[in-house]
Protein backbone atom coordinates (compact mmCIF):
# COMPACT_ATOMS: atom_id res chain seq x y z
CA MET A 1 -3.37 -19.87 14.05
CA LYS A 2 -4.82 -16.40 14.45
CA LEU A 3 -8.05 -15.83 16.35
CA GLN A 4 -10.62 -13.58 14.71
CA PHE A 5 -12.98 -11.30 16.59
CA VAL A 6 -16.23 -11.61 14.65
CA ASN A 7 -19.25 -9.35 14.85
CA GLU A 8 -21.31 -12.14 16.39
CA LEU A 9 -19.23 -11.69 19.55
CA LEU A 10 -20.18 -8.03 19.96
CA THR A 11 -22.21 -7.34 23.07
CA GLY A 12 -23.33 -3.85 22.15
CA VAL A 13 -21.49 -2.44 25.17
CA GLU A 14 -18.68 -0.40 23.65
CA GLU A 15 -16.19 -0.71 26.51
CA MET A 16 -16.71 -4.46 26.95
CA ASP A 17 -16.44 -5.04 23.19
CA ARG A 18 -13.20 -3.02 23.10
CA GLN A 19 -11.77 -5.04 25.98
CA HIS A 20 -12.79 -8.32 24.33
CA MET A 21 -10.99 -7.22 21.15
CA VAL A 22 -7.84 -6.41 23.16
CA LEU A 23 -7.99 -9.86 24.78
CA VAL A 24 -8.09 -11.49 21.33
CA GLU A 25 -5.13 -9.33 20.21
CA LEU A 26 -3.11 -10.36 23.27
CA LEU A 27 -3.92 -14.04 22.73
CA ASN A 28 -2.82 -13.68 19.11
CA GLU A 29 0.42 -12.03 20.22
CA VAL A 30 1.22 -14.94 22.56
CA THR A 31 0.29 -17.48 19.87
CA SER A 32 2.46 -15.77 17.25
CA LEU A 33 5.44 -15.75 19.58
CA LEU A 34 5.01 -19.44 20.31
CA GLU A 35 4.68 -20.25 16.60
CA ARG A 36 7.98 -18.45 15.97
CA GLY A 37 9.65 -20.42 18.74
CA GLU A 38 9.96 -17.43 21.06
CA ARG A 39 8.79 -19.30 24.14
CA GLU A 40 10.38 -17.07 26.79
CA LYS A 41 9.01 -13.91 25.20
CA ALA A 42 5.55 -15.55 24.95
CA ILE A 43 5.65 -16.41 28.65
CA LYS A 44 6.62 -12.82 29.48
CA VAL A 45 3.76 -11.37 27.40
CA PHE A 46 1.36 -13.88 28.96
CA ARG A 47 2.41 -13.01 32.51
CA ASP A 48 2.99 -9.28 32.11
CA LYS A 49 0.20 -8.32 29.74
CA LEU A 50 -2.46 -10.98 29.29
CA VAL A 51 -2.97 -12.09 32.88
CA GLU A 52 -3.14 -8.50 34.12
CA TYR A 53 -5.55 -7.51 31.37
CA VAL A 54 -7.84 -10.48 32.07
CA GLU A 55 -7.95 -9.55 35.76
CA THR A 56 -8.82 -5.93 34.90
CA HIS A 57 -11.42 -7.00 32.35
CA LEU A 58 -13.18 -9.41 34.69
CA LYS A 59 -13.36 -6.72 37.38
CA ASP A 60 -14.72 -4.15 34.94
CA GLU A 61 -17.17 -6.61 33.45
CA GLU A 62 -18.56 -7.65 36.83
CA GLU A 63 -18.89 -4.03 37.95
CA PHE A 64 -20.84 -3.26 34.78
CA MET A 65 -23.06 -6.32 35.19
CA GLU A 66 -23.78 -5.39 38.80
CA LYS A 67 -24.63 -1.83 37.76
CA ILE A 68 -27.20 -2.99 35.19
CA GLY A 69 -28.60 -5.74 37.41
CA TYR A 70 -27.46 -8.61 35.20
CA PRO A 71 -29.64 -11.56 36.30
CA ASP A 72 -26.98 -14.27 35.99
CA LEU A 73 -24.16 -12.36 37.71
CA ASP A 74 -23.53 -15.05 40.34
CA ASN A 75 -22.86 -17.69 37.67
CA HIS A 76 -20.68 -15.27 35.74
CA ARG A 77 -18.66 -14.61 38.90
CA LYS A 78 -18.25 -18.35 39.49
CA GLY A 79 -16.96 -18.78 35.94
CA SER A 80 -14.57 -15.87 36.38
CA ARG A 81 -13.20 -17.26 39.66
CA TYR A 82 -12.75 -20.68 38.07
CA LEU A 83 -10.80 -19.12 35.19
CA GLN A 84 -8.63 -17.12 37.58
CA LYS A 85 -7.84 -20.08 39.83
CA SER A 86 -7.30 -22.71 37.18
CA HIS A 87 -5.72 -20.82 34.29
CA LEU A 88 -4.07 -17.62 35.55
């Protein structure tokens, strides 16, 4: 099942939108590998590409939010930390 990045997900921030699109592409790559039965390759892509990219994205996203004074930054950080601890 392929994920689609739809226009409703665009934030209007070019770099964040680009990174979100890359995240969807990486998730689709892992999913495709699993659907083809290539479990070991999927695990490698997940560990070597996806996890690293998520870490980089969350850092970049939080830096941007801090720069613009995003009012709900603390809650966003909590969500990011939860994702990192429980899923990565």
